[in-house]
Amino acid sequence: MVAEGADAIDVGGQSTRPRGAREVSATEEIERVVPVVGAVRARYPHLPISIDTTKSDVAQAALDAGANVINDVSAFRLDPRMREIVASSGAGAILMHSRGGVSEMATYRWAEYGEDLVGEISLELARSVSSALDAGVDEASIVVDPGIGFAKRSEHSLRVLAELARIGALGFPVMVGVSRKRFVGELSGVDKAADRVAGTVAANVAALLRGARLFRVHDVAASKQGLEVAWGILKAGSRSTDSRFPIPDSRC
């Protein structure tokens, strides 16, 4: 992944897949992830490493092994102590919108929203951010993720991506994880998740156009190529005096 252009590596030891996700103990999760984090850190001393976990004990063990970002798909809902660990360590924090526990958050059990879907998601993310800030987490350490496919039907995920600028209005960098998701398969007619590479690239480029700047992917080379080309076009447009779509001169 690094050779293909990944700027960071995310390590996780607990599945949140829609079917068959099983809760594992903190001990088991630590046994799964800590050797990997340690090995990656030893090989790549300066590479950002995030630990994908909802458990504070796992987060602490991974930080001790060399991780420097906490990627919490519950945005600190499931383990409030996570806020203290992030605040005291100075680690980065990715706060993702979701509902329910680990075994159900990628299902449709909690996928019920009112008329303003994106407004509800923004409000729930804002509450998570406020909770983190109140615990002493550095504002500059926070990234928000709208949680594509988590407690969201395909039509919900599409609406979130279409209105992604509203998530960006929270004032934090936006990460998206659309890679191989169900809505990509439904739109493209591709059943096998591993074959949804082209659709994933398209979704990431659309998200880039709407303000996303961090992308969690499986297929690094294809995603990197698509995003770099799209970013180059955006930058060229931003330098035009009559551009209707100016963008910050920063790297995705």
C-alpha atoms as a PDB file:
ATOM      1  CA  MET A   1       0.000   0.000   0.000  1.00  0.00           C
ATOM      2  CA  VAL A   2       2.826   2.402   0.772  1.00  0.00           C
ATOM      3  CA  ALA A   3       4.525   1.518  -2.500  1.00  0.00           C
ATOM      4  CA  GLU A   4       1.265   2.278  -4.315  1.00  0.00           C
ATOM      5  CA  GLY A   5       1.105   5.746  -2.779  1.00  0.00           C
ATOM      6  CA  ALA A   6      -0.707   5.469   0.540  1.00  0.00           C
ATOM      7  CA  ASP A   7       0.052   8.463   2.759  1.00  0.00           C
ATOM      8  CA  ALA A   8      -1.068   6.650   5.929  1.00  0.00           C
ATOM      9  CA  ILE A   9      -2.023   3.142   7.041  1.00  0.00           C
ATOM     10  CA  ASP A  10      -5.114   2.215   9.047  1.00  0.00           C
ATOM     11  CA  VAL A  11      -4.990  -0.937  11.174  1.00  0.00           C
ATOM     12  CA  GLY A  12      -8.079  -2.581  12.646  1.00  0.00           C
ATOM     13  CA  GLY A  13      -8.858  -5.814  14.456  1.00  0.00           C
ATOM     14  CA  GLN A  14     -12.657  -5.657  14.779  1.00  0.00           C
ATOM     15  CA  SER A  15     -14.992  -6.121  11.816  1.00  0.00           C
ATOM     16  CA  THR A  16     -17.994  -3.847  11.313  1.00  0.00           C
ATOM     17  CA  ARG A  17     -19.227  -5.563   8.154  1.00  0.00           C
ATOM     18  CA  PRO A  18     -23.002  -5.568   7.565  1.00  0.00           C
ATOM     19  CA  ARG A  19     -23.423  -9.308   8.053  1.00  0.00           C
ATOM     20  CA  GLY A  20     -21.652 -11.420  10.619  1.00  0.00           C
ATOM     21  CA  ALA A  21     -19.736  -8.759  12.534  1.00  0.00           C
ATOM     22  CA  ARG A  22     -18.845 -10.252  15.897  1.00  0.00           C
ATOM     23  CA  GLU A  23     -17.800  -8.272  18.950  1.00  0.00           C
ATOM     24  CA  VAL A  24     -14.337  -9.272  20.153  1.00  0.00           C
ATOM     25  CA  SER A  25     -12.752  -8.602  23.511  1.00  0.00           C
ATOM     26  CA  ALA A  26     -10.191  -5.862  24.014  1.00  0.00           C
ATOM     27  CA  THR A  27      -7.605  -8.535  24.782  1.00  0.00           C
ATOM     28  CA  GLU A  28      -8.194 -10.336  21.496  1.00  0.00           C
ATOM     29  CA  GLU A  29      -8.237  -7.099  19.547  1.00  0.00           C
ATOM     30  CA  ILE A  30      -4.944  -6.026  21.113  1.00  0.00           C
ATOM     31  CA  GLU A  31      -3.389  -9.369  20.204  1.00  0.00           C
ATOM     32  CA  ARG A  32      -4.469  -8.841  16.600  1.00  0.00           C
ATOM     33  CA  VAL A  33      -3.386  -5.245  16.053  1.00  0.00           C
ATOM     34  CA  VAL A  34      -0.396  -4.453  18.252  1.00  0.00           C
ATOM     35  CA  PRO A  35       2.093  -6.728  16.415  1.00  0.00           C
ATOM     36  CA  VAL A  36       0.985  -5.211  13.096  1.00  0.00           C
ATOM     37  CA  VAL A  37       1.255  -1.632  14.327  1.00  0.00           C
ATOM     38  CA  GLY A  38       4.689  -2.348  15.787  1.00  0.00           C
ATOM     39  CA  ALA A  39       5.930  -3.974  12.578  1.00  0.00           C
ATOM     40  CA  VAL A  40       4.654  -1.157  10.365  1.00  0.00           C
ATOM     41  CA  ARG A  41       6.166   1.461  12.659  1.00  0.00           C
ATOM     42  CA  ALA A  42       9.524  -0.325  12.652  1.00  0.00           C
ATOM     43  CA  ARG A  43       9.595  -0.421   8.856  1.00  0.00           C
ATOM     44  CA  TYR A  44       8.195   3.073   8.278  1.00  0.00           C
ATOM     45  CA  PRO A  45       9.331   5.337  11.144  1.00  0.00           C
ATOM     46  CA  HIS A  46       7.591   8.466   9.842  1.00  0.00           C
ATOM     47  CA  LEU A  47       4.413   6.998   8.356  1.00  0.00           C
ATOM     48  CA  PRO A  48       1.136   8.072  10.015  1.00  0.00           C
ATOM     49  CA  ILE A  49      -0.586   4.988  11.447  1.00  0.00           C
ATOM     50  CA  SER A  50      -4.174   5.024  12.627  1.00  0.00           C
ATOM     51  CA  ILE A  51      -5.773   2.425  14.824  1.00  0.00           C
ATOM     52  CA  ASP A  52      -9.383   1.625  13.937  1.00  0.00           C
ATOM     53  CA  THR A  53     -11.027   0.806  17.253  1.00  0.00           C
ATOM     54  CA  THR A  54     -13.865   1.769  19.566  1.00  0.00           C
ATOM     55  CA  LYS A  55     -12.078   0.523  22.691  1.00  0.00           C
ATOM     56  CA  SER A  56      -9.857   2.768  24.792  1.00  0.00           C
ATOM     57  CA  ASP A  57      -7.629  -0.100  25.988  1.00  0.00           C
ATOM     58  CA  VAL A  58      -6.914  -1.064  22.383  1.00  0.00           C
ATOM     59  CA  ALA A  59      -6.279   2.552  21.457  1.00  0.00           C
ATOM     60  CA  GLN A  60      -3.779   2.969  24.280  1.00  0.00           C
ATOM     61  CA  ALA A  61      -1.949  -0.251  23.428  1.00  0.00           C
ATOM     62  CA  ALA A  62      -1.734   0.748  19.762  1.00  0.00           C
ATOM     63  CA  LEU A  63      -0.440   4.217  20.629  1.00  0.00           C
ATOM     64  CA  ASP A  64       2.206   2.608  22.815  1.00  0.00           C
ATOM     65  CA  ALA A  65       3.188   0.397  19.849  1.00  0.00           C
ATOM     66  CA  GLY A  66       3.601   3.366  17.519  1.00  0.00           C
ATOM     67  CA  ALA A  67       0.192   4.466  16.214  1.00  0.00           C
ATOM     68  CA  ASN A  68      -0.470   8.190  16.241  1.00  0.00           C
ATOM     69  CA  VAL A  69      -4.106   8.501  15.156  1.00  0.00           C
ATOM     70  CA  ILE A  70      -7.297   7.049  16.665  1.00  0.00           C
ATOM     71  CA  ASN A  71      -9.953   6.189  14.090  1.00  0.00           C
ATOM     72  CA  ASP A  72     -13.118   5.634  16.127  1.00  0.00           C
ATOM     73  CA  VAL A  73     -16.145   4.581  14.071  1.00  0.00           C
ATOM     74  CA  SER A  74     -18.348   5.399  17.054  1.00  0.00           C
ATOM     75  CA  ALA A  75     -16.924   8.927  17.460  1.00  0.00           C
ATOM     76  CA  PHE A  76     -16.246   8.185  21.155  1.00  0.00           C
ATOM     77  CA  ARG A  77     -19.882   7.098  21.797  1.00  0.00           C
ATOM     78  CA  LEU A  78     -19.113   3.552  22.874  1.00  0.00           C
ATOM     79  CA  ASP A  79     -16.155   4.280  25.139  1.00  0.00           C
ATOM     80  CA  PRO A  80     -16.016   7.833  26.536  1.00  0.00           C
ATOM     81  CA  ARG A  81     -12.559   7.179  28.003  1.00  0.00           C
ATOM     82  CA  MET A  82     -11.282   7.408  24.434  1.00  0.00           C
ATOM     83  CA  ARG A  83     -11.521  11.192  24.699  1.00  0.00           C
ATOM     84  CA  GLU A  84      -9.100  11.245  27.627  1.00  0.00           C
ATOM     85  CA  ILE A  85      -6.594   9.036  25.824  1.00  0.00           C
ATOM     86  CA  VAL A  86      -6.624  11.201  22.716  1.00  0.00           C
ATOM     87  CA  ALA A  87      -6.378  14.395  24.764  1.00  0.00           C
ATOM     88  CA  SER A  88      -3.490  13.205  26.934  1.00  0.00           C
ATOM     89  CA  SER A  89      -1.521  11.635  24.093  1.00  0.00           C
ATOM     90  CA  GLY A  90      -1.996  14.401  21.535  1.00  0.00           C
ATOM     91  CA  ALA A  91      -3.008  11.797  18.960  1.00  0.00           C
ATOM     92  CA  GLY A  92      -5.095  12.605  15.939  1.00  0.00           C
ATOM     93  CA  ALA A  93      -8.774  11.696  16.118  1.00  0.00           C
ATOM     94  CA  ILE A  94     -11.059  10.601  13.280  1.00  0.00           C
ATOM     95  CA  LEU A  95     -14.669  10.876  14.448  1.00  0.00           C
ATOM     96  CA  MET A  96     -17.079   8.912  12.288  1.00  0.00           C
ATOM     97  CA  HIS A  97     -20.844   9.166  12.335  1.00  0.00           C
ATOM     98  CA  SER A  98     -22.630   5.930  13.185  1.00  0.00           C
ATOM     99  CA  ARG A  99     -25.458   4.646  15.316  1.00  0.00           C
ATOM    100  CA  GLY A 100     -25.746   1.508  17.420  1.00  0.00           C
ATOM    101  CA  GLY A 101     -23.092  -0.949  18.517  1.00  0.00           C
ATOM    102  CA  VAL A 102     -20.277  -2.539  16.546  1.00  0.00           C
ATOM    103  CA  SER A 103     -22.311  -5.569  15.453  1.00  0.00           C
ATOM    104  CA  GLU A 104     -25.188  -3.491  14.061  1.00  0.00           C
ATOM    105  CA  MET A 105     -23.857  -0.094  13.016  1.00  0.00           C
ATOM    106  CA  ALA A 106     -23.308  -1.200   9.404  1.00  0.00           C
ATOM    107  CA  THR A 107     -26.850  -2.598   9.164  1.00  0.00           C
ATOM    108  CA  TYR A 108     -30.100  -0.729   8.543  1.00  0.00           C
ATOM    109  CA  ARG A 109     -31.396  -1.087  12.096  1.00  0.00           C
ATOM    110  CA  TRP A 110     -30.762   2.573  12.934  1.00  0.00           C
ATOM    111  CA  ALA A 111     -31.120   3.963   9.403  1.00  0.00           C
ATOM    112  CA  GLU A 112     -34.130   6.138  10.171  1.00  0.00           C
ATOM    113  CA  TYR A 113     -33.956   9.881   9.519  1.00  0.00           C
ATOM    114  CA  GLY A 114     -36.275  12.842   9.138  1.00  0.00           C
ATOM    115  CA  GLU A 115     -36.545  15.171   6.163  1.00  0.00           C
ATOM    116  CA  ASP A 116     -33.077  16.675   6.666  1.00  0.00           C
ATOM    117  CA  LEU A 117     -30.813  13.627   6.630  1.00  0.00           C
ATOM    118  CA  VAL A 118     -27.531  15.524   6.313  1.00  0.00           C
ATOM    119  CA  GLY A 119     -28.629  18.016   8.950  1.00  0.00           C
ATOM    120  CA  GLU A 120     -29.186  15.194  11.449  1.00  0.00           C
ATOM    121  CA  ILE A 121     -25.812  13.643  10.670  1.00  0.00           C
ATOM    122  CA  SER A 122     -24.074  17.015  10.965  1.00  0.00           C
ATOM    123  CA  LEU A 123     -25.734  17.647  14.326  1.00  0.00           C
ATOM    124  CA  GLU A 124     -24.717  14.248  15.702  1.00  0.00           C
ATOM    125  CA  LEU A 125     -21.149  14.742  14.483  1.00  0.00           C
ATOM    126  CA  ALA A 126     -21.083  18.233  16.001  1.00  0.00           C
ATOM    127  CA  ARG A 127     -22.076  16.764  19.359  1.00  0.00           C
ATOM    128  CA  SER A 128     -19.222  14.254  19.131  1.00  0.00           C
ATOM    129  CA  VAL A 129     -16.785  17.024  18.268  1.00  0.00           C
ATOM    130  CA  SER A 130     -18.000  19.174  21.178  1.00  0.00           C
ATOM    131  CA  SER A 131     -17.618  16.245  23.553  1.00  0.00           C
ATOM    132  CA  ALA A 132     -14.046  15.685  22.351  1.00  0.00           C
ATOM    133  CA  LEU A 133     -13.158  19.362  22.683  1.00  0.00           C
ATOM    134  CA  ASP A 134     -14.660  19.513  26.182  1.00  0.00           C
ATOM    135  CA  ALA A 135     -12.375  16.626  27.166  1.00  0.00           C
ATOM    136  CA  GLY A 136      -9.307  18.546  25.997  1.00  0.00           C
ATOM    137  CA  VAL A 137      -8.787  17.092  22.518  1.00  0.00           C
ATOM    138  CA  ASP A 138      -6.925  19.596  20.354  1.00  0.00           C
ATOM    139  CA  GLU A 139      -9.192  21.115  17.713  1.00  0.00           C
ATOM    140  CA  ALA A 140      -6.401  20.783  15.138  1.00  0.00           C
ATOM    141  CA  SER A 141      -6.283  17.015  15.760  1.00  0.00           C
ATOM    142  CA  ILE A 142      -9.860  16.305  14.673  1.00  0.00           C
ATOM    143  CA  VAL A 143     -11.088  14.869  11.360  1.00  0.00           C
ATOM    144  CA  VAL A 144     -14.766  14.103  10.723  1.00  0.00           C
ATOM    145  CA  ASP A 145     -16.176  11.232   8.684  1.00  0.00           C
ATOM    146  CA  PRO A 146     -19.889  11.079   7.737  1.00  0.00           C
ATOM    147  CA  GLY A 147     -19.835   7.270   7.913  1.00  0.00           C
ATOM    148  CA  ILE A 148     -20.909   6.241   4.429  1.00  0.00           C
ATOM    149  CA  GLY A 149     -22.861   2.971   4.691  1.00  0.00           C
ATOM    150  CA  PHE A 150     -23.060   3.086   8.489  1.00  0.00           C
ATOM    151  CA  ALA A 151     -26.680   3.277   9.683  1.00  0.00           C
ATOM    152  CA  LYS A 152     -27.414   4.490   6.160  1.00  0.00           C
ATOM    153  CA  ARG A 153     -29.212   2.930   3.236  1.00  0.00           C
ATOM    154  CA  SER A 154     -27.750   3.459  -0.227  1.00  0.00           C
ATOM    155  CA  GLU A 155     -29.987   6.450  -0.886  1.00  0.00           C
ATOM    156  CA  HIS A 156     -28.758   7.968   2.374  1.00  0.00           C
ATOM    157  CA  SER A 157     -25.107   7.499   1.423  1.00  0.00           C
ATOM    158  CA  LEU A 158     -25.719   9.124  -1.948  1.00  0.00           C
ATOM    159  CA  ARG A 159     -27.418  12.111  -0.338  1.00  0.00           C
ATOM    160  CA  VAL A 160     -24.573  12.547   2.151  1.00  0.00           C
ATOM    161  CA  LEU A 161     -22.001  12.526  -0.649  1.00  0.00           C
ATOM    162  CA  ALA A 162     -24.073  14.953  -2.714  1.00  0.00           C
ATOM    163  CA  GLU A 163     -24.289  17.366   0.242  1.00  0.00           C
ATOM    164  CA  LEU A 164     -20.820  16.718   1.639  1.00  0.00           C
ATOM    165  CA  ALA A 165     -20.067  20.441   1.784  1.00  0.00           C
ATOM    166  CA  ARG A 166     -22.482  20.645   4.717  1.00  0.00           C
ATOM    167  CA  ILE A 167     -20.291  18.201   6.638  1.00  0.00           C
ATOM    168  CA  GLY A 168     -17.279  20.334   5.745  1.00  0.00           C
ATOM    169  CA  ALA A 169     -19.105  23.346   7.163  1.00  0.00           C
ATOM    170  CA  LEU A 170     -18.415  21.907  10.615  1.00  0.00           C
ATOM    171  CA  GLY A 171     -14.925  23.314  10.114  1.00  0.00           C
ATOM    172  CA  PHE A 172     -12.838  20.140  10.166  1.00  0.00           C
ATOM    173  CA  PRO A 173     -11.106  18.098   7.444  1.00  0.00           C
ATOM    174  CA  VAL A 174     -13.501  15.537   5.987  1.00  0.00           C
ATOM    175  CA  MET A 175     -12.628  11.880   5.445  1.00  0.00           C
ATOM    176  CA  VAL A 176     -14.765   9.491   3.414  1.00  0.00           C
ATOM    177  CA  GLY A 177     -14.736   5.716   3.221  1.00  0.00           C
ATOM    178  CA  VAL A 178     -16.659   4.704   0.096  1.00  0.00           C
ATOM    179  CA  SER A 179     -14.333   1.900  -0.961  1.00  0.00           C
ATOM    180  CA  ARG A 180     -16.251  -1.129  -2.330  1.00  0.00           C
ATOM    181  CA  LYS A 181     -19.419  -0.108  -0.471  1.00  0.00           C
ATOM    182  CA  ARG A 182     -22.883  -1.490  -1.228  1.00  0.00           C
ATOM    183  CA  PHE A 183     -24.131   1.628  -2.998  1.00  0.00           C
ATOM    184  CA  VAL A 184     -21.203   1.415  -5.452  1.00  0.00           C
ATOM    185  CA  GLY A 185     -22.217  -2.123  -6.347  1.00  0.00           C
ATOM    186  CA  GLU A 186     -25.889  -1.210  -6.650  1.00  0.00           C
ATOM    187  CA  LEU A 187     -25.209   1.745  -8.958  1.00  0.00           C
ATOM    188  CA  SER A 188     -22.684  -0.111 -11.114  1.00  0.00           C
ATOM    189  CA  GLY A 189     -24.303  -3.535 -11.115  1.00  0.00           C
ATOM    190  CA  VAL A 190     -21.126  -5.125  -9.751  1.00  0.00           C
ATOM    191  CA  ASP A 191     -21.919  -7.762  -7.137  1.00  0.00           C
ATOM    192  CA  LYS A 192     -18.412  -8.757  -6.032  1.00  0.00           C
ATOM    193  CA  ALA A 193     -16.973  -6.128  -3.686  1.00  0.00           C
ATOM    194  CA  ALA A 194     -13.391  -6.569  -4.882  1.00  0.00           C
ATOM    195  CA  ASP A 195     -14.479  -5.713  -8.440  1.00  0.00           C
ATOM    196  CA  ARG A 196     -15.886  -2.293  -7.506  1.00  0.00           C
ATOM    197  CA  VAL A 197     -12.615  -0.444  -8.052  1.00  0.00           C
ATOM    198  CA  ALA A 198     -13.737   1.831 -10.895  1.00  0.00           C
ATOM    199  CA  GLY A 199     -16.943   2.744  -9.072  1.00  0.00           C
ATOM    200  CA  THR A 200     -14.958   3.483  -5.931  1.00  0.00           C
ATOM    201  CA  VAL A 201     -12.635   5.828  -7.810  1.00  0.00           C
ATOM    202  CA  ALA A 202     -15.637   7.660  -9.257  1.00  0.00           C
ATOM    203  CA  ALA A 203     -17.225   8.062  -5.824  1.00  0.00           C
ATOM    204  CA  ASN A 204     -13.964   9.340  -4.341  1.00  0.00           C
ATOM    205  CA  VAL A 205     -13.539  11.905  -7.104  1.00  0.00           C
ATOM    206  CA  ALA A 206     -17.127  13.085  -6.566  1.00  0.00           C
ATOM    207  CA  ALA A 207     -16.384  13.406  -2.846  1.00  0.00           C
ATOM    208  CA  LEU A 208     -13.202  15.348  -3.603  1.00  0.00           C
ATOM    209  CA  LEU A 209     -15.222  17.819  -5.667  1.00  0.00           C
ATOM    210  CA  ARG A 210     -17.506  18.325  -2.672  1.00  0.00           C
ATOM    211  CA  GLY A 211     -14.768  18.921  -0.122  1.00  0.00           C
ATOM    212  CA  ALA A 212     -13.381  15.583   1.095  1.00  0.00           C
ATOM    213  CA  ARG A 213      -9.610  15.631   1.538  1.00  0.00           C
ATOM    214  CA  LEU A 214      -8.901  12.235   3.147  1.00  0.00           C
ATOM    215  CA  PHE A 215      -9.869   8.913   1.581  1.00  0.00           C
ATOM    216  CA  ARG A 216      -9.869   5.488   3.189  1.00  0.00           C
ATOM    217  CA  VAL A 217      -9.468   2.889   0.438  1.00  0.00           C
ATOM    218  CA  HIS A 218      -8.582  -0.727  -0.308  1.00  0.00           C
ATOM    219  CA  ASP A 219      -7.215  -0.251  -3.827  1.00  0.00           C
ATOM    220  CA  VAL A 220      -4.534   2.366  -3.322  1.00  0.00           C
ATOM    221  CA  ALA A 221      -2.946   2.652  -6.782  1.00  0.00           C
ATOM    222  CA  ALA A 222      -6.203   3.179  -8.689  1.00  0.00           C
ATOM    223  CA  SER A 223      -7.618   5.531  -6.071  1.00  0.00           C
ATOM    224  CA  LYS A 224      -4.429   7.563  -5.876  1.00  0.00           C
ATOM    225  CA  GLN A 225      -4.233   7.944  -9.644  1.00  0.00           C
ATOM    226  CA  GLY A 226      -7.835   9.051  -9.982  1.00  0.00           C
ATOM    227  CA  LEU A 227      -7.622  11.511  -7.102  1.00  0.00           C
ATOM    228  CA  GLU A 228      -4.296  13.005  -8.218  1.00  0.00           C
ATOM    229  CA  VAL A 229      -5.651  13.659 -11.712  1.00  0.00           C
ATOM    230  CA  ALA A 230      -8.875  15.167 -10.372  1.00  0.00           C
ATOM    231  CA  TRP A 231      -6.918  17.276  -7.887  1.00  0.00           C
ATOM    232  CA  GLY A 232      -4.637  18.555 -10.635  1.00  0.00           C
ATOM    233  CA  ILE A 233      -7.639  19.644 -12.683  1.00  0.00           C
ATOM    234  CA  LEU A 234      -9.168  21.357  -9.662  1.00  0.00           C
ATOM    235  CA  LYS A 235      -5.951  23.242  -8.957  1.00  0.00           C
ATOM    236  CA  ALA A 236      -5.693  24.345 -12.572  1.00  0.00           C
ATOM    237  CA  GLY A 237      -9.252  25.640 -12.377  1.00  0.00           C
ATOM    238  CA  SER A 238      -8.570  27.498  -9.130  1.00  0.00           C
ATOM    239  CA  ARG A 239      -5.817  29.495 -10.851  1.00  0.00           C
ATOM    240  CA  SER A 240      -8.191  30.666 -13.557  1.00  0.00           C
ATOM    241  CA  THR A 241      -9.433  34.207 -13.008  1.00  0.00           C
ATOM    242  CA  ASP A 242     -12.984  33.266 -13.956  1.00  0.00           C
ATOM    243  CA  SER A 243     -13.131  29.974 -12.081  1.00  0.00           C
ATOM    244  CA  ARG A 244     -16.506  29.301 -10.492  1.00  0.00           C
ATOM    245  CA  PHE A 245     -15.045  26.564  -8.280  1.00  0.00           C
ATOM    246  CA  PRO A 246     -12.026  27.941  -6.394  1.00  0.00           C
ATOM    247  CA  ILE A 247     -10.324  25.518  -4.014  1.00  0.00           C
ATOM    248  CA  PRO A 248      -7.649  25.891  -1.338  1.00  0.00           C
ATOM    249  CA  ASP A 249      -4.141  25.364  -2.609  1.00  0.00           C
ATOM    250  CA  SER A 250      -3.502  22.337  -0.405  1.00  0.00           C
ATOM    251  CA  ARG A 251      -2.786  18.742  -1.167  1.00  0.00           C
ATOM    252  CA  CYS A 252      -5.344  15.962  -0.896  1.00  0.00           C
END
